[in-house]
Structures are given as C-alpha cells and as structure tokens.
C-alpha cells in the first residue's frame, strides 16, 4: 500500500487504504479516497479515483523475476533482450481483463479475469512509484476508459513520461517531508 501512496502528493496519501468487499477481495477504499478530494485535484489522484470506482478489480502485485502467466504464455520482469538484441529492463507490466470494449490491438489478457499490474519489487522506492504510476495511471486508466492503452497507441508515451515524472516528484516531496 505504501508504494501506491508514493505515487500521490502527500496530502492525498493518508486517504489511500483498502477494504474487503463482499466477495473477500481487498480493494481500494473509494469512499476514504474521495474524502481527500478538493476543487483542484492532481490528475494522478483523479485517475486513481476512476480506477477505484470502476466495476472491475485491478490487482497490484510486487513481483520478482518468476514467470507470469497470461493468455499468450508467460513473460518475466527484469532484464531481457528486445527484437534488436538490445538489453532492456521491464520494470512493470499490465494485463487486462478483456471485458472492456477497447480499440487497442494485441491485448495481453490476464488469466484471472481481473486487470493485473505487476512491478519489479527489487527496485528503489522512486522507481517503484514511477513504475506503478506508469502502469496504473496510463495503461489501466486508458484501458478502462475505452481508449488505446498500449505503447503502440497515440499519446501513451507522452502520458507515461508525465505520470512517471509526477510520481518521482511526489515521492521525493513526501520523503523530504519526513
């Protein structure tokens, strides 16, 4: 839960907590989160509210380099070689439920029927906040809004840069307040 709080400005983070729903799932407490609302909320807060209020569950999972199963097979987080043989880091990944009408092609579907966000837990807190913001406020949010959410879709990379930067800034400000 702390990693999620780190993606938001400090005054909003105290209203981030989870509750258990009638099916036994642990979900964000949207009622508590909404109490932090002001006349001028930051966009990352607005997007988290949209995710919390949406009628699908988004699981957030800290992960190591163990294989993750999805509809097309498995993948891992951590370092890998891309199609050109360059070494890359996959710090996070989003699998979607497949239940939302969404124009993105090449959807990677979860096997649980929920949206699933994975992040590499071996990173420092700044990187975790940045990765979670990228996966939640860009990929999940665009998916549930029915707009393109993969890196092949328009504006995703610009949104990614913005929310990653905001999460780093929010975390650093919170760290300096302590």
Protein backbone atom coordinates (compact mmCIF):
# COMPACT_ATOMS: atom_id res chain seq x y z
CA UNK A 1 0.00 0.00 0.00
CA UNK A 2 2.90 2.36 0.73
CA UNK A 3 4.15 2.04 -2.83
CA UNK A 4 0.77 3.18 -4.16
CA UNK A 5 0.70 6.08 -1.70
CA UNK A 6 4.10 7.16 -3.01
CA UNK A 7 2.57 7.94 -6.44
CA UNK A 8 0.39 10.72 -4.99
CA UNK A 9 1.07 14.08 -3.32
CA UNK A 10 1.42 13.70 0.44
CA UNK A 11 -1.92 15.22 1.42
CA UNK A 12 -3.76 12.57 -0.62
CA UNK A 13 -1.79 9.56 0.56
CA UNK A 14 -3.34 9.42 4.04
CA UNK A 15 -6.64 8.60 2.34
CA UNK A 16 -5.27 5.58 0.49
CA UNK A 17 -6.24 2.32 2.14
CA UNK A 18 -8.03 -0.89 1.31
CA UNK A 19 -11.16 -2.62 2.49
CA UNK A 20 -12.54 -6.10 1.97
CA UNK A 21 -15.53 -6.38 -0.34
CA UNK A 22 -18.43 -8.84 -0.02
CA UNK A 23 -16.50 -11.44 -2.08
CA UNK A 24 -13.42 -11.26 0.13
CA UNK A 25 -11.35 -9.20 -2.30
CA UNK A 26 -9.16 -6.43 -0.91
CA UNK A 27 -9.99 -3.27 -2.85
CA UNK A 28 -9.15 0.41 -2.63
CA UNK A 29 -11.48 2.23 -0.26
CA UNK A 30 -13.00 4.68 -2.76
CA UNK A 31 -15.09 6.37 -0.04
CA UNK A 32 -12.00 7.16 2.05
CA UNK A 33 -10.03 8.18 -1.05
CA UNK A 34 -12.82 10.54 -2.13
CA UNK A 35 -12.58 12.39 1.21
CA UNK A 36 -9.24 13.81 0.03
CA UNK A 37 -10.91 15.48 -2.96
CA UNK A 38 -10.56 19.23 -3.40
CA UNK A 39 -11.60 21.71 -6.09
CA UNK A 40 -8.29 21.19 -7.90
CA UNK A 41 -7.17 17.59 -7.62
CA UNK A 42 -3.99 16.47 -9.39
CA UNK A 43 -4.56 14.23 -12.40
CA UNK A 44 -2.91 11.21 -10.76
CA UNK A 45 -5.46 11.39 -7.93
CA UNK A 46 -8.35 11.71 -10.42
CA UNK A 47 -7.14 8.66 -12.32
CA UNK A 48 -6.74 6.61 -9.16
CA UNK A 49 -10.32 7.57 -8.18
CA UNK A 50 -11.57 6.43 -11.59
CA UNK A 51 -9.79 3.08 -11.15
CA UNK A 52 -11.10 2.68 -7.58
CA UNK A 53 -14.69 3.39 -8.64
CA UNK A 54 -14.58 1.22 -11.77
CA UNK A 55 -16.59 -2.02 -11.68
CA UNK A 56 -13.52 -4.22 -12.26
CA UNK A 57 -10.77 -5.21 -9.88
CA UNK A 58 -7.20 -4.21 -10.64
CA UNK A 59 -4.72 -6.37 -8.74
CA UNK A 60 -1.36 -4.79 -7.92
CA UNK A 61 1.41 -7.33 -7.47
CA UNK A 62 5.01 -6.87 -6.38
CA UNK A 63 6.98 -9.45 -8.33
CA UNK A 64 10.47 -10.83 -8.76
CA UNK A 65 11.74 -12.47 -11.93
CA UNK A 66 9.47 -15.53 -11.79
CA UNK A 67 7.40 -16.23 -14.93
CA UNK A 68 3.95 -14.63 -15.10
CA UNK A 69 1.22 -16.48 -16.99
CA UNK A 70 -1.18 -14.75 -19.34
CA UNK A 71 -3.37 -15.63 -22.32
CA UNK A 72 -0.41 -15.90 -24.73
CA UNK A 73 2.00 -17.82 -22.49
CA UNK A 74 4.41 -16.38 -19.93
CA UNK A 75 6.73 -13.40 -19.51
CA UNK A 76 9.11 -12.16 -16.82
CA UNK A 77 10.01 -8.81 -15.32
CA UNK A 78 13.62 -7.72 -15.17
CA UNK A 79 16.21 -7.55 -17.93
CA UNK A 80 15.57 -9.01 -21.35
CA UNK A 81 16.75 -8.58 -24.92
CA UNK A 82 14.44 -6.86 -27.38
CA UNK A 83 13.95 -7.83 -31.02
CA UNK A 84 17.20 -5.98 -31.91
CA UNK A 85 19.20 -7.78 -29.23
CA UNK A 86 19.46 -4.68 -27.02
CA UNK A 87 19.31 -5.21 -23.27
CA UNK A 88 16.18 -3.67 -21.73
CA UNK A 89 14.55 -3.52 -18.30
CA UNK A 90 10.88 -4.47 -17.94
CA UNK A 91 10.08 -2.89 -14.57
CA UNK A 92 6.32 -3.32 -14.80
CA UNK A 93 3.59 -4.81 -16.91
CA UNK A 94 -0.19 -4.60 -17.19
CA UNK A 95 -2.51 -7.43 -18.13
CA UNK A 96 -6.14 -6.54 -18.77
CA UNK A 97 -9.40 -8.35 -18.12
CA UNK A 98 -10.61 -8.27 -21.71
CA UNK A 99 -14.09 -7.25 -20.52
CA UNK A 100 -13.87 -3.60 -21.60
CA UNK A 101 -14.59 -2.54 -25.17
CA UNK A 102 -11.20 -1.15 -26.11
CA UNK A 103 -9.69 -0.37 -29.53
CA UNK A 104 -6.11 -1.41 -28.68
CA UNK A 105 -4.75 -4.32 -30.65
CA UNK A 106 -2.55 -7.08 -29.23
CA UNK A 107 -4.17 -7.00 -25.81
CA UNK A 108 -2.40 -9.13 -23.21
CA UNK A 109 -5.16 -10.72 -21.15
CA UNK A 110 -4.91 -11.88 -17.57
CA UNK A 111 -5.93 -15.44 -16.73
CA UNK A 112 -7.76 -14.24 -13.59
CA UNK A 113 -10.35 -12.08 -15.36
CA UNK A 114 -9.09 -9.04 -13.42
CA UNK A 115 -6.80 -6.27 -14.57
CA UNK A 116 -3.35 -7.06 -13.17
CA UNK A 117 -0.44 -4.69 -12.61
CA UNK A 118 2.96 -6.22 -11.91
CA UNK A 119 6.01 -4.30 -10.77
CA UNK A 120 9.54 -5.42 -10.04
CA UNK A 121 9.87 -5.28 -6.27
CA UNK A 122 13.67 -5.24 -6.31
CA UNK A 123 13.76 -1.56 -7.29
CA UNK A 124 14.18 1.52 -5.10
CA UNK A 125 11.03 3.33 -3.95
CA UNK A 126 11.37 6.11 -6.52
CA UNK A 127 11.45 3.56 -9.35
CA UNK A 128 8.55 1.61 -7.85
CA UNK A 129 6.42 4.78 -7.61
CA UNK A 130 7.28 5.70 -11.18
CA UNK A 131 6.51 2.20 -12.46
CA UNK A 132 3.19 1.97 -10.60
CA UNK A 133 2.14 5.39 -11.91
CA UNK A 134 3.02 4.30 -15.44
CA UNK A 135 1.08 1.04 -15.22
CA UNK A 136 -1.97 2.39 -13.33
CA UNK A 137 -2.45 5.98 -14.47
CA UNK A 138 -1.55 5.27 -18.10
CA UNK A 139 -2.24 1.65 -19.06
CA UNK A 140 -5.08 0.67 -16.69
CA UNK A 141 -6.78 4.07 -16.79
CA UNK A 142 -6.79 4.26 -20.61
CA UNK A 143 -7.96 0.64 -20.80
CA UNK A 144 -10.98 1.19 -18.51
CA UNK A 145 -11.84 4.43 -20.34
CA UNK A 146 -12.00 2.51 -23.61
CA UNK A 147 -9.11 4.39 -25.20
CA UNK A 148 -5.88 2.97 -26.59
CA UNK A 149 -3.64 1.84 -23.75
CA UNK A 150 -0.64 0.05 -25.30
CA UNK A 151 2.66 1.66 -26.29
CA UNK A 152 1.57 1.39 -29.92
CA UNK A 153 -1.35 3.75 -29.23
CA UNK A 154 -1.21 7.52 -29.68
CA UNK A 155 -0.20 9.68 -26.68
CA UNK A 156 0.65 6.75 -24.40
CA UNK A 157 4.36 7.53 -24.33
CA UNK A 158 3.70 11.21 -23.53
CA UNK A 159 1.33 10.23 -20.73
CA UNK A 160 3.90 7.74 -19.44
CA UNK A 161 6.60 10.39 -19.20
CA UNK A 162 4.23 12.78 -17.43
CA UNK A 163 2.95 10.35 -14.78
CA UNK A 164 6.35 8.77 -14.17
CA UNK A 165 7.80 12.24 -13.58
CA UNK A 166 4.90 13.23 -11.29
CA UNK A 167 5.30 10.04 -9.23
CA UNK A 168 9.03 10.66 -8.78
CA UNK A 169 8.31 14.24 -7.76
CA UNK A 170 5.54 13.19 -5.34
CA UNK A 171 7.74 10.54 -3.75
CA UNK A 172 10.71 12.89 -3.34
CA UNK A 173 8.49 15.58 -1.78
CA UNK A 174 6.96 13.06 0.63
CA UNK A 175 10.40 11.69 1.53
CA UNK A 176 11.68 15.22 2.26
CA UNK A 177 8.63 15.96 4.47
CA UNK A 178 9.52 13.13 6.86
